Amino acid sequence: MVPSNSPDAALSGPALTQAVEAALAWWRDAGVDGDWIDTPQDWLAKVQPGAAQKTGKPKLPEPEPVRALAGGPDQWPADLGNFADWWLTHEELAPAGARRVAPAGPQDPPLMVVVPMPEADDRETLLSGPAGRLLDGFLGAAGLSRAHVYCAAALPARITAPDWAALAAGGLGDVLLHHIGLVRPARLILFGQTGISTLLGNALPNSPTNLQLINHGGASEAMPEVPAMGAYDLEAIVARPTLKAGLWSRWLDWVPA
């Protein structure tokens, strides 16, 4: 036990803390505000490669390769006769449990119509509701009918607020191009151009002076490109009948007299 009158006892507890603080204050008043060492340092020395590697950013893992949708083009139907069944059944093309609707129409038609997705009330037949009736009226005025036109949707089933960019990145745009190549239409109307053009990776301005040629990826060497016209969604035209005049005017400017 340390006697109460020893020097060590005087520097214990609060007294020791005060002594240390007083010493530090004295050195601060003397202008010493850093820690010093006697060993010289070479501030201009080059950093060794090993040291740079240790302090550099960690290497990020390589991104995983994108998996081809439904096995990729080599696994997709090579003829139109098998496409509809594949479209209705392959699990990667639509959410589980979603009601799918098949495309319909002849091969090599004068016109192929593509809409973003089936109507809300579609069951067995694509475009069986108000949008379909509007299309039938348009085709009749153009001297055509459903019997002569191939009708398809860019999506097998109706979904809420589709993310077209994500669907394109997932490969569904390539499926649509493959589908167009199997149909081999003379002309193509894309109703709902904003979503479908995003899916196809190109812009289709709503103007008859800026029509596009759709390259369907060479599914048919005899017809590598299809003249295409973008238009408002049929459901939007149903809601705003004043858009009918613009659609008809564009059609007349597009087709030969």
C-alpha atoms as a PDB file:
ATOM      1  CA  MET A   1       0.000   0.000   0.000  1.00  0.00           C
ATOM      2  CA  VAL A   2       1.300   3.437  -0.997  1.00  0.00           C
ATOM      3  CA  PRO A   3       1.583   5.923   1.925  1.00  0.00           C
ATOM      4  CA  SER A   4      -0.681   8.918   1.577  1.00  0.00           C
ATOM      5  CA  ASN A   5       2.283  11.301   1.688  1.00  0.00           C
ATOM      6  CA  SER A   6       4.267   9.624  -1.176  1.00  0.00           C
ATOM      7  CA  PRO A   7       4.756  11.436  -4.560  1.00  0.00           C
ATOM      8  CA  ASP A   8       2.919   8.593  -6.398  1.00  0.00           C
ATOM      9  CA  ALA A   9      -0.150   9.068  -4.247  1.00  0.00           C
ATOM     10  CA  ALA A  10      -0.205  12.758  -5.140  1.00  0.00           C
ATOM     11  CA  LEU A  11      -0.364  11.853  -8.862  1.00  0.00           C
ATOM     12  CA  SER A  12      -3.213   9.374  -8.687  1.00  0.00           C
ATOM     13  CA  GLY A  13      -6.884   9.927  -9.472  1.00  0.00           C
ATOM     14  CA  PRO A  14      -8.035  13.472 -10.307  1.00  0.00           C
ATOM     15  CA  ALA A  15      -4.653  14.903  -9.440  1.00  0.00           C
ATOM     16  CA  LEU A  16      -2.977  12.814 -12.160  1.00  0.00           C
ATOM     17  CA  THR A  17      -5.527  13.930 -14.749  1.00  0.00           C
ATOM     18  CA  GLN A  18      -4.954  17.576 -13.892  1.00  0.00           C
ATOM     19  CA  ALA A  19      -1.191  17.123 -14.133  1.00  0.00           C
ATOM     20  CA  VAL A  20      -1.432  15.585 -17.610  1.00  0.00           C
ATOM     21  CA  GLU A  21      -3.776  18.325 -18.843  1.00  0.00           C
ATOM     22  CA  ALA A  22      -1.446  20.990 -17.481  1.00  0.00           C
ATOM     23  CA  ALA A  23       1.539  19.430 -19.281  1.00  0.00           C
ATOM     24  CA  LEU A  24      -0.345  19.286 -22.595  1.00  0.00           C
ATOM     25  CA  ALA A  25      -1.484  22.883 -22.192  1.00  0.00           C
ATOM     26  CA  TRP A  26       2.098  23.963 -21.574  1.00  0.00           C
ATOM     27  CA  TRP A  27       3.286  22.373 -24.827  1.00  0.00           C
ATOM     28  CA  ARG A  28       0.365  23.892 -26.770  1.00  0.00           C
ATOM     29  CA  ASP A  29       1.283  27.327 -25.446  1.00  0.00           C
ATOM     30  CA  ALA A  30       4.850  26.645 -26.585  1.00  0.00           C
ATOM     31  CA  GLY A  31       3.598  26.104 -30.154  1.00  0.00           C
ATOM     32  CA  VAL A  32       3.899  22.315 -30.266  1.00  0.00           C
ATOM     33  CA  ASP A  33       0.688  20.951 -31.829  1.00  0.00           C
ATOM     34  CA  GLY A  34       1.831  17.700 -33.456  1.00  0.00           C
ATOM     35  CA  ASP A  35       3.529  14.389 -32.863  1.00  0.00           C
ATOM     36  CA  TRP A  36       7.144  14.266 -33.980  1.00  0.00           C
ATOM     37  CA  ILE A  37       9.590  11.481 -34.774  1.00  0.00           C
ATOM     38  CA  ASP A  38      13.340  11.624 -35.393  1.00  0.00           C
ATOM     39  CA  THR A  39      13.402   9.178 -38.332  1.00  0.00           C
ATOM     40  CA  PRO A  40      13.524  11.087 -41.682  1.00  0.00           C
ATOM     41  CA  GLN A  41      10.795  10.353 -44.256  1.00  0.00           C
ATOM     42  CA  ASP A  42      11.103  10.491 -48.091  1.00  0.00           C
ATOM     43  CA  TRP A  43       7.906  12.233 -49.150  1.00  0.00           C
ATOM     44  CA  LEU A  44       8.841  12.026 -52.855  1.00  0.00           C
ATOM     45  CA  ALA A  45       9.427   8.283 -52.899  1.00  0.00           C
ATOM     46  CA  LYS A  46       7.492   6.361 -55.568  1.00  0.00           C
ATOM     47  CA  VAL A  47       4.705   4.139 -54.376  1.00  0.00           C
ATOM     48  CA  GLN A  48       5.531   0.487 -54.834  1.00  0.00           C
ATOM     49  CA  PRO A  49       3.157  -1.483 -57.101  1.00  0.00           C
ATOM     50  CA  GLY A  50       2.300  -3.842 -54.288  1.00  0.00           C
ATOM     51  CA  ALA A  51       1.235  -0.962 -52.065  1.00  0.00           C
ATOM     52  CA  ALA A  52      -0.949   0.501 -54.804  1.00  0.00           C
ATOM     53  CA  GLN A  53      -2.730  -2.789 -55.228  1.00  0.00           C
ATOM     54  CA  LYS A  54      -3.410  -2.994 -51.526  1.00  0.00           C
ATOM     55  CA  THR A  55      -4.948   0.471 -51.350  1.00  0.00           C
ATOM     56  CA  GLY A  56      -6.761   0.351 -54.711  1.00  0.00           C
ATOM     57  CA  LYS A  57     -10.475  -0.299 -55.177  1.00  0.00           C
ATOM     58  CA  PRO A  58     -11.523  -3.921 -54.815  1.00  0.00           C
ATOM     59  CA  LYS A  59     -12.107  -5.717 -58.100  1.00  0.00           C
ATOM     60  CA  LEU A  60     -15.796  -6.034 -58.854  1.00  0.00           C
ATOM     61  CA  PRO A  61     -17.158  -9.440 -59.817  1.00  0.00           C
ATOM     62  CA  GLU A  62     -17.768 -10.048 -63.510  1.00  0.00           C
ATOM     63  CA  PRO A  63     -21.432  -9.540 -64.498  1.00  0.00           C
ATOM     64  CA  GLU A  64     -23.319 -12.717 -65.182  1.00  0.00           C
ATOM     65  CA  PRO A  65     -24.104 -13.332 -68.861  1.00  0.00           C
ATOM     66  CA  VAL A  66     -27.660 -12.478 -69.911  1.00  0.00           C
ATOM     67  CA  ARG A  67     -29.727 -15.617 -70.258  1.00  0.00           C
ATOM     68  CA  ALA A  68     -31.492 -15.901 -73.606  1.00  0.00           C
ATOM     69  CA  LEU A  69     -35.284 -15.761 -73.410  1.00  0.00           C
ATOM     70  CA  ALA A  70     -36.940 -19.134 -73.998  1.00  0.00           C
ATOM     71  CA  GLY A  71     -33.654 -20.699 -75.016  1.00  0.00           C
ATOM     72  CA  GLY A  72     -32.787 -18.072 -77.645  1.00  0.00           C
ATOM     73  CA  PRO A  73     -33.719 -17.768 -81.332  1.00  0.00           C
ATOM     74  CA  ASP A  74     -32.415 -21.234 -82.164  1.00  0.00           C
ATOM     75  CA  GLN A  75     -35.079 -22.682 -79.871  1.00  0.00           C
ATOM     76  CA  TRP A  76     -37.971 -20.530 -81.092  1.00  0.00           C
ATOM     77  CA  PRO A  77     -40.499 -21.904 -83.608  1.00  0.00           C
ATOM     78  CA  ALA A  78     -39.164 -21.850 -87.150  1.00  0.00           C
ATOM     79  CA  ASP A  79     -42.605 -21.789 -88.794  1.00  0.00           C
ATOM     80  CA  LEU A  80     -45.764 -19.810 -88.163  1.00  0.00           C
ATOM     81  CA  GLY A  81     -47.890 -22.928 -87.677  1.00  0.00           C
ATOM     82  CA  ASN A  82     -46.107 -23.776 -84.428  1.00  0.00           C
ATOM     83  CA  PHE A  83     -45.733 -20.231 -83.151  1.00  0.00           C
ATOM     84  CA  ALA A  84     -49.220 -19.790 -81.637  1.00  0.00           C
ATOM     85  CA  ASP A  85     -48.985 -22.884 -79.417  1.00  0.00           C
ATOM     86  CA  TRP A  86     -45.506 -21.861 -78.260  1.00  0.00           C
ATOM     87  CA  TRP A  87     -46.755 -18.311 -77.619  1.00  0.00           C
ATOM     88  CA  LEU A  88     -49.565 -19.645 -75.436  1.00  0.00           C
ATOM     89  CA  THR A  89     -47.599 -22.180 -73.427  1.00  0.00           C
ATOM     90  CA  HIS A  90     -43.944 -21.266 -72.903  1.00  0.00           C
ATOM     91  CA  GLU A  91     -43.519 -20.325 -69.253  1.00  0.00           C
ATOM     92  CA  GLU A  92     -40.922 -17.590 -69.864  1.00  0.00           C
ATOM     93  CA  LEU A  93     -43.112 -15.433 -72.111  1.00  0.00           C
ATOM     94  CA  ALA A  94     -45.724 -14.275 -69.578  1.00  0.00           C
ATOM     95  CA  PRO A  95     -46.340 -14.262 -65.803  1.00  0.00           C
ATOM     96  CA  ALA A  96     -47.668 -17.498 -64.362  1.00  0.00           C
ATOM     97  CA  GLY A  97     -51.452 -17.636 -64.395  1.00  0.00           C
ATOM     98  CA  ALA A  98     -51.876 -14.749 -66.844  1.00  0.00           C
ATOM     99  CA  ARG A  99     -54.547 -15.280 -69.502  1.00  0.00           C
ATOM    100  CA  ARG A 100     -52.863 -15.452 -72.887  1.00  0.00           C
ATOM    101  CA  VAL A 101     -54.464 -14.812 -76.261  1.00  0.00           C
ATOM    102  CA  ALA A 102     -53.190 -16.219 -79.540  1.00  0.00           C
ATOM    103  CA  PRO A 103     -52.441 -14.183 -82.669  1.00  0.00           C
ATOM    104  CA  ALA A 104     -54.558 -14.873 -85.736  1.00  0.00           C
ATOM    105  CA  GLY A 105     -54.423 -14.387 -89.476  1.00  0.00           C
ATOM    106  CA  PRO A 106     -52.865 -15.654 -92.682  1.00  0.00           C
ATOM    107  CA  GLN A 107     -49.209 -15.799 -93.608  1.00  0.00           C
ATOM    108  CA  ASP A 108     -47.949 -13.302 -96.228  1.00  0.00           C
ATOM    109  CA  PRO A 109     -50.810 -10.854 -95.561  1.00  0.00           C
ATOM    110  CA  PRO A 110     -51.036  -7.387 -97.096  1.00  0.00           C
ATOM    111  CA  LEU A 111     -51.065  -5.981 -93.548  1.00  0.00           C
ATOM    112  CA  MET A 112     -49.999  -7.083 -90.073  1.00  0.00           C
ATOM    113  CA  VAL A 113     -51.437  -5.259 -87.061  1.00  0.00           C
ATOM    114  CA  VAL A 114     -49.549  -5.281 -83.753  1.00  0.00           C
ATOM    115  CA  VAL A 115     -51.031  -3.968 -80.504  1.00  0.00           C
ATOM    116  CA  PRO A 116     -49.222  -3.780 -77.151  1.00  0.00           C
ATOM    117  CA  MET A 117     -51.272  -6.499 -75.433  1.00  0.00           C
ATOM    118  CA  PRO A 118     -54.696  -8.156 -75.492  1.00  0.00           C
ATOM    119  CA  GLU A 119     -57.780  -6.195 -74.476  1.00  0.00           C
ATOM    120  CA  ALA A 120     -59.024  -6.563 -70.913  1.00  0.00           C
ATOM    121  CA  ASP A 121     -62.016  -8.691 -71.981  1.00  0.00           C
ATOM    122  CA  ASP A 122     -60.233 -10.851 -74.566  1.00  0.00           C
ATOM    123  CA  ARG A 123     -60.660 -14.575 -74.050  1.00  0.00           C
ATOM    124  CA  GLU A 124     -60.297 -16.804 -77.114  1.00  0.00           C
ATOM    125  CA  THR A 125     -59.938 -14.056 -79.734  1.00  0.00           C
ATOM    126  CA  LEU A 126     -57.517 -11.144 -79.822  1.00  0.00           C
ATOM    127  CA  LEU A 127     -59.142  -7.700 -80.019  1.00  0.00           C
ATOM    128  CA  SER A 128     -62.677  -8.878 -79.316  1.00  0.00           C
ATOM    129  CA  GLY A 129     -63.761  -5.725 -77.455  1.00  0.00           C
ATOM    130  CA  PRO A 130     -64.154  -2.010 -78.283  1.00  0.00           C
ATOM    131  CA  ALA A 131     -60.624  -1.697 -79.697  1.00  0.00           C
ATOM    132  CA  GLY A 132     -61.292  -4.645 -81.984  1.00  0.00           C
ATOM    133  CA  ARG A 133     -64.524  -3.111 -83.258  1.00  0.00           C
ATOM    134  CA  LEU A 134     -62.659   0.109 -83.994  1.00  0.00           C
ATOM    135  CA  LEU A 135     -60.035  -1.874 -85.903  1.00  0.00           C
ATOM    136  CA  ASP A 136     -62.732  -3.688 -87.899  1.00  0.00           C
ATOM    137  CA  GLY A 137     -64.235  -0.355 -88.913  1.00  0.00           C
ATOM    138  CA  PHE A 138     -60.839   0.960 -89.975  1.00  0.00           C
ATOM    139  CA  LEU A 139     -60.051  -2.169 -91.978  1.00  0.00           C
ATOM    140  CA  GLY A 140     -63.443  -2.062 -93.686  1.00  0.00           C
ATOM    141  CA  ALA A 141     -62.871   1.537 -94.756  1.00  0.00           C
ATOM    142  CA  ALA A 142     -59.463   0.493 -96.099  1.00  0.00           C
ATOM    143  CA  GLY A 143     -60.984  -2.334 -98.145  1.00  0.00           C
ATOM    144  CA  LEU A 144     -59.639  -5.051 -95.842  1.00  0.00           C
ATOM    145  CA  SER A 145     -61.008  -7.415 -93.208  1.00  0.00           C
ATOM    146  CA  ARG A 146     -59.723  -9.602 -90.402  1.00  0.00           C
ATOM    147  CA  ALA A 147     -59.674 -12.513 -92.832  1.00  0.00           C
ATOM    148  CA  HIS A 148     -56.929 -10.778 -94.823  1.00  0.00           C
ATOM    149  CA  VAL A 149     -54.971  -9.236 -91.927  1.00  0.00           C
ATOM    150  CA  TYR A 150     -52.692 -10.843 -89.347  1.00  0.00           C
ATOM    151  CA  CYS A 151     -53.390  -9.508 -85.844  1.00  0.00           C
ATOM    152  CA  ALA A 152     -50.897  -9.966 -83.014  1.00  0.00           C
ATOM    153  CA  ALA A 153     -49.981  -8.526 -79.625  1.00  0.00           C
ATOM    154  CA  ALA A 154     -46.472  -7.688 -78.491  1.00  0.00           C
ATOM    155  CA  LEU A 155     -47.220  -9.404 -75.156  1.00  0.00           C
ATOM    156  CA  PRO A 156     -49.014 -12.755 -74.835  1.00  0.00           C
ATOM    157  CA  ALA A 157     -51.098 -11.549 -71.874  1.00  0.00           C
ATOM    158  CA  ARG A 158     -52.371  -8.295 -70.482  1.00  0.00           C
ATOM    159  CA  ILE A 159     -50.252  -6.947 -67.628  1.00  0.00           C
ATOM    160  CA  THR A 160     -50.439  -3.758 -65.575  1.00  0.00           C
ATOM    161  CA  ALA A 161     -48.015  -0.944 -66.483  1.00  0.00           C
ATOM    162  CA  PRO A 162     -45.486  -2.980 -68.482  1.00  0.00           C
ATOM    163  CA  ASP A 163     -41.861  -1.867 -68.264  1.00  0.00           C
ATOM    164  CA  TRP A 164     -41.107  -1.885 -71.993  1.00  0.00           C
ATOM    165  CA  ALA A 165     -37.398  -1.191 -71.583  1.00  0.00           C
ATOM    166  CA  ALA A 166     -37.030  -4.116 -69.179  1.00  0.00           C
ATOM    167  CA  LEU A 167     -39.045  -6.366 -71.486  1.00  0.00           C
ATOM    168  CA  ALA A 168     -36.801  -5.363 -74.378  1.00  0.00           C
ATOM    169  CA  ALA A 169     -33.694  -6.092 -72.324  1.00  0.00           C
ATOM    170  CA  GLY A 170     -35.192  -9.477 -71.495  1.00  0.00           C
ATOM    171  CA  GLY A 171     -35.472 -10.386 -75.174  1.00  0.00           C
ATOM    172  CA  LEU A 172     -39.189  -9.970 -75.867  1.00  0.00           C
ATOM    173  CA  GLY A 173     -38.505  -7.429 -78.606  1.00  0.00           C
ATOM    174  CA  ASP A 174     -36.452 -10.036 -80.451  1.00  0.00           C
ATOM    175  CA  VAL A 175     -39.369 -12.448 -80.163  1.00  0.00           C
ATOM    176  CA  LEU A 176     -41.640  -9.854 -81.787  1.00  0.00           C
ATOM    177  CA  LEU A 177     -39.170  -9.355 -84.638  1.00  0.00           C
ATOM    178  CA  HIS A 178     -38.991 -13.122 -85.073  1.00  0.00           C
ATOM    179  CA  HIS A 179     -42.793 -13.248 -85.157  1.00  0.00           C
ATOM    180  CA  ILE A 180     -42.932 -10.558 -87.849  1.00  0.00           C
ATOM    181  CA  GLY A 181     -40.392 -12.508 -89.873  1.00  0.00           C
ATOM    182  CA  LEU A 182     -42.548 -15.631 -89.742  1.00  0.00           C
ATOM    183  CA  VAL A 183     -45.684 -13.746 -90.815  1.00  0.00           C
ATOM    184  CA  ARG A 184     -43.934 -11.952 -93.726  1.00  0.00           C
ATOM    185  CA  PRO A 185     -46.441  -9.075 -94.076  1.00  0.00           C
ATOM    186  CA  ALA A 186     -46.280  -6.526 -96.867  1.00  0.00           C
ATOM    187  CA  ARG A 187     -46.945  -3.708 -94.383  1.00  0.00           C
ATOM    188  CA  LEU A 188     -47.071  -3.302 -90.634  1.00  0.00           C
ATOM    189  CA  ILE A 189     -49.072  -1.015 -88.338  1.00  0.00           C
ATOM    190  CA  LEU A 190     -47.886  -0.707 -84.748  1.00  0.00           C
ATOM    191  CA  PHE A 191     -50.733   0.576 -82.583  1.00  0.00           C
ATOM    192  CA  GLY A 192     -49.435   1.886 -79.272  1.00  0.00           C
ATOM    193  CA  GLN A 193     -46.196   2.971 -80.855  1.00  0.00           C
ATOM    194  CA  THR A 194     -44.477   4.261 -77.704  1.00  0.00           C
ATOM    195  CA  GLY A 195     -44.323   0.929 -75.932  1.00  0.00           C
ATOM    196  CA  ILE A 196     -43.774  -1.216 -79.007  1.00  0.00           C
ATOM    197  CA  SER A 197     -41.061   1.023 -80.436  1.00  0.00           C
ATOM    198  CA  THR A 198     -39.239   0.829 -77.089  1.00  0.00           C
ATOM    199  CA  LEU A 199     -39.582  -2.939 -77.253  1.00  0.00           C
ATOM    200  CA  LEU A 200     -38.075  -2.944 -80.747  1.00  0.00           C
ATOM    201  CA  GLY A 201     -35.326  -0.498 -79.815  1.00  0.00           C
ATOM    202  CA  ASN A 202     -36.243   2.245 -82.279  1.00  0.00           C
ATOM    203  CA  ALA A 203     -38.393   5.369 -82.425  1.00  0.00           C
ATOM    204  CA  LEU A 204     -41.543   5.632 -84.514  1.00  0.00           C
ATOM    205  CA  PRO A 205     -42.604   9.291 -84.615  1.00  0.00           C
ATOM    206  CA  ASN A 206     -46.321   9.904 -85.035  1.00  0.00           C
ATOM    207  CA  SER A 207     -45.819  11.413 -88.481  1.00  0.00           C
ATOM    208  CA  PRO A 208     -46.403  10.024 -91.990  1.00  0.00           C
ATOM    209  CA  THR A 209     -43.161  11.633 -93.127  1.00  0.00           C
ATOM    210  CA  ASN A 210     -41.097   9.555 -90.688  1.00  0.00           C
ATOM    211  CA  LEU A 211     -42.195   6.002 -91.417  1.00  0.00           C
ATOM    212  CA  GLN A 212     -39.834   3.174 -90.589  1.00  0.00           C
ATOM    213  CA  LEU A 213     -38.544  -0.035 -92.080  1.00  0.00           C
ATOM    214  CA  ILE A 214     -38.634  -2.844 -89.540  1.00  0.00           C
ATOM    215  CA  ASN A 215     -35.728  -5.253 -89.895  1.00  0.00           C
ATOM    216  CA  HIS A 216     -36.965  -8.490 -88.407  1.00  0.00           C
ATOM    217  CA  GLY A 217     -33.526 -10.048 -88.105  1.00  0.00           C
ATOM    218  CA  GLY A 218     -33.365 -11.902 -91.378  1.00  0.00           C
ATOM    219  CA  ALA A 219     -35.983 -14.535 -90.557  1.00  0.00           C
ATOM    220  CA  SER A 220     -36.817 -14.381 -94.256  1.00  0.00           C
ATOM    221  CA  GLU A 221     -34.011 -13.576 -96.676  1.00  0.00           C
ATOM    222  CA  ALA A 222     -36.567 -12.749 -99.360  1.00  0.00           C
ATOM    223  CA  MET A 223     -37.969  -9.891 -97.253  1.00  0.00           C
ATOM    224  CA  PRO A 224     -35.438  -8.491 -94.776  1.00  0.00           C
ATOM    225  CA  GLU A 225     -37.413  -5.305 -94.020  1.00  0.00           C
ATOM    226  CA  VAL A 226     -41.073  -4.380 -93.628  1.00  0.00           C
ATOM    227  CA  PRO A 227     -42.528  -0.867 -94.087  1.00  0.00           C
ATOM    228  CA  ALA A 228     -44.061   0.112 -90.742  1.00  0.00           C
ATOM    229  CA  MET A 229     -46.376   2.872 -89.548  1.00  0.00           C
ATOM    230  CA  GLY A 230     -46.671   3.823 -85.896  1.00  0.00           C
ATOM    231  CA  ALA A 231     -50.038   4.919 -84.533  1.00  0.00           C
ATOM    232  CA  TYR A 232     -51.753   5.659 -81.246  1.00  0.00           C
ATOM    233  CA  ASP A 233     -52.992   2.740 -79.169  1.00  0.00           C
ATOM    234  CA  LEU A 234     -56.417   1.535 -80.334  1.00  0.00           C
ATOM    235  CA  GLU A 235     -57.713   1.907 -76.780  1.00  0.00           C
ATOM    236  CA  ALA A 236     -56.539   5.537 -76.759  1.00  0.00           C
ATOM    237  CA  ILE A 237     -58.367   6.157 -80.048  1.00  0.00           C
ATOM    238  CA  VAL A 238     -61.532   4.605 -78.586  1.00  0.00           C
ATOM    239  CA  ALA A 239     -61.271   7.024 -75.666  1.00  0.00           C
ATOM    240  CA  ARG A 240     -60.527   9.981 -77.969  1.00  0.00           C
ATOM    241  CA  PRO A 241     -62.476   9.571 -81.231  1.00  0.00           C
ATOM    242  CA  THR A 242     -60.928  12.748 -82.643  1.00  0.00           C
ATOM    243  CA  LEU A 243     -57.749  10.703 -83.203  1.00  0.00           C
ATOM    244  CA  LYS A 244     -59.512   8.650 -85.890  1.00  0.00           C
ATOM    245  CA  ALA A 245     -59.093  11.395 -88.474  1.00  0.00           C
ATOM    246  CA  GLY A 246     -55.341  11.510 -87.956  1.00  0.00           C
ATOM    247  CA  LEU A 247     -55.035   7.731 -88.282  1.00  0.00           C
ATOM    248  CA  TRP A 248     -57.016   7.704 -91.515  1.00  0.00           C
ATOM    249  CA  SER A 249     -55.043  10.617 -92.945  1.00  0.00           C
ATOM    250  CA  ARG A 250     -51.761   8.858 -92.209  1.00  0.00           C
ATOM    251  CA  TRP A 251     -53.040   5.667 -93.799  1.00  0.00           C
ATOM    252  CA  LEU A 252     -53.996   7.477 -97.000  1.00  0.00           C
ATOM    253  CA  ASP A 253     -50.576   9.125 -97.142  1.00  0.00           C
ATOM    254  CA  TRP A 254     -48.897   5.758 -96.633  1.00  0.00           C
ATOM    255  CA  VAL A 255     -50.664   3.359 -98.997  1.00  0.00           C
ATOM    256  CA  PRO A 256     -50.503   3.741-102.773  1.00  0.00           C
ATOM    257  CA  ALA A 257     -53.541   5.353-104.394  1.00  0.00           C
END
